[in-house]
Amino acid sequence: MAGECGIDRIASFDPSGFDTQIAGEVKDFNPVPAFPSRKRCAERDRLFAFGVYAAWQALKDSDWILEK
């Protein structure tokens, strides 16, 4: 959206053993607000955190009042 390319050298692991050295990675992702506690978030892997965060954001965007 800012007119910048999101493709860069892979930074989340060492890609030297692979033919491809570039990818589009999610940077500065903070899933903690979607979890009941920081500890519960830390117990989960990154892929799980993406799913929980996406569902949490969808509920927020829907203006659904869960207490009702």
C-alpha atoms as a PDB file:
ATOM      1  CA  MET A   1       0.000   0.000   0.000  1.00  0.00           C
ATOM      2  CA  ALA A   2       2.960   2.295   0.585  1.00  0.00           C
ATOM      3  CA  GLY A   3       4.341   1.528  -2.857  1.00  0.00           C
ATOM      4  CA  GLU A   4       7.182  -0.569  -1.451  1.00  0.00           C
ATOM      5  CA  CYS A   5       8.051  -4.107  -2.493  1.00  0.00           C
ATOM      6  CA  GLY A   6       7.446  -6.712   0.212  1.00  0.00           C
ATOM      7  CA  ILE A   7       9.735  -9.269  -1.403  1.00  0.00           C
ATOM      8  CA  ASP A   8      13.192  -9.512   0.163  1.00  0.00           C
ATOM      9  CA  ARG A   9      15.869 -12.011   1.172  1.00  0.00           C
ATOM     10  CA  ILE A  10      14.435 -14.556   3.612  1.00  0.00           C
ATOM     11  CA  ALA A  11      15.196 -13.461   7.163  1.00  0.00           C
ATOM     12  CA  SER A  12      13.201 -15.879   9.356  1.00  0.00           C
ATOM     13  CA  PHE A  13      15.615 -18.762   8.703  1.00  0.00           C
ATOM     14  CA  ASP A  14      18.851 -19.468   6.809  1.00  0.00           C
ATOM     15  CA  PRO A  15      17.806 -20.075   3.184  1.00  0.00           C
ATOM     16  CA  SER A  16      21.323 -20.937   1.936  1.00  0.00           C
ATOM     17  CA  GLY A  17      20.375 -24.598   1.364  1.00  0.00           C
ATOM     18  CA  PHE A  18      17.542 -23.664  -0.975  1.00  0.00           C
ATOM     19  CA  ASP A  19      17.477 -22.538  -4.610  1.00  0.00           C
ATOM     20  CA  THR A  20      15.228 -19.619  -3.721  1.00  0.00           C
ATOM     21  CA  GLN A  21      16.636 -16.999  -1.366  1.00  0.00           C
ATOM     22  CA  ILE A  22      13.781 -14.486  -1.553  1.00  0.00           C
ATOM     23  CA  ALA A  23      10.157 -14.504  -0.401  1.00  0.00           C
ATOM     24  CA  GLY A  24       7.354 -12.351   0.911  1.00  0.00           C
ATOM     25  CA  GLU A  25       7.450 -12.661   4.708  1.00  0.00           C
ATOM     26  CA  VAL A  26       5.165 -11.173   7.343  1.00  0.00           C
ATOM     27  CA  LYS A  27       7.396  -8.814   9.303  1.00  0.00           C
ATOM     28  CA  ASP A  28       6.676  -7.175  12.668  1.00  0.00           C
ATOM     29  CA  PHE A  29       3.721  -9.479  13.349  1.00  0.00           C
ATOM     30  CA  ASN A  30       2.449  -9.190  16.930  1.00  0.00           C
ATOM     31  CA  PRO A  31      -0.336 -11.717  17.631  1.00  0.00           C
ATOM     32  CA  VAL A  32      -0.445 -11.113  21.407  1.00  0.00           C
ATOM     33  CA  PRO A  33      -3.610  -8.923  21.399  1.00  0.00           C
ATOM     34  CA  ALA A  34      -5.619 -11.861  19.989  1.00  0.00           C
ATOM     35  CA  PHE A  35      -4.682 -14.207  22.851  1.00  0.00           C
ATOM     36  CA  PRO A  36      -5.912 -14.199  26.451  1.00  0.00           C
ATOM     37  CA  SER A  37      -2.330 -13.940  27.737  1.00  0.00           C
ATOM     38  CA  ARG A  38       1.222 -13.527  26.478  1.00  0.00           C
ATOM     39  CA  LYS A  39       2.011 -17.020  27.829  1.00  0.00           C
ATOM     40  CA  ARG A  40      -0.801 -18.642  25.811  1.00  0.00           C
ATOM     41  CA  CYS A  41       0.508 -16.907  22.710  1.00  0.00           C
ATOM     42  CA  ALA A  42       4.066 -18.114  23.341  1.00  0.00           C
ATOM     43  CA  GLU A  43       2.836 -21.717  23.654  1.00  0.00           C
ATOM     44  CA  ARG A  44       1.635 -21.694  20.036  1.00  0.00           C
ATOM     45  CA  ASP A  45       3.551 -21.764  16.777  1.00  0.00           C
ATOM     46  CA  ARG A  46       3.566 -18.899  14.278  1.00  0.00           C
ATOM     47  CA  LEU A  47       1.121 -20.535  11.845  1.00  0.00           C
ATOM     48  CA  PHE A  48      -1.427 -21.082  14.617  1.00  0.00           C
ATOM     49  CA  ALA A  49      -0.980 -17.461  15.705  1.00  0.00           C
ATOM     50  CA  PHE A  50      -1.774 -16.250  12.160  1.00  0.00           C
ATOM     51  CA  GLY A  51      -5.066 -18.167  12.228  1.00  0.00           C
ATOM     52  CA  VAL A  52      -6.093 -16.965  15.686  1.00  0.00           C
ATOM     53  CA  TYR A  53      -5.186 -13.374  14.840  1.00  0.00           C
ATOM     54  CA  ALA A  54      -7.143 -13.493  11.549  1.00  0.00           C
ATOM     55  CA  ALA A  55     -10.240 -14.831  13.321  1.00  0.00           C
ATOM     56  CA  TRP A  56      -9.901 -12.252  16.111  1.00  0.00           C
ATOM     57  CA  GLN A  57      -9.543  -9.420  13.599  1.00  0.00           C
ATOM     58  CA  ALA A  58     -12.581 -10.670  11.642  1.00  0.00           C
ATOM     59  CA  LEU A  59     -14.682 -10.606  14.823  1.00  0.00           C
ATOM     60  CA  LYS A  60     -13.481  -7.088  15.614  1.00  0.00           C
ATOM     61  CA  ASP A  61     -14.254  -5.909  12.077  1.00  0.00           C
ATOM     62  CA  SER A  62     -17.755  -7.413  12.217  1.00  0.00           C
ATOM     63  CA  ASP A  63     -18.744  -5.305  15.267  1.00  0.00           C
ATOM     64  CA  TRP A  64     -20.234  -8.451  16.739  1.00  0.00           C
ATOM     65  CA  ILE A  65     -20.882  -8.168  20.480  1.00  0.00           C
ATOM     66  CA  LEU A  66     -19.858 -11.581  21.797  1.00  0.00           C
ATOM     67  CA  GLU A  67     -21.395 -11.027  25.221  1.00  0.00           C
ATOM     68  CA  LYS A  68     -24.861 -11.028  23.625  1.00  0.00           C
END
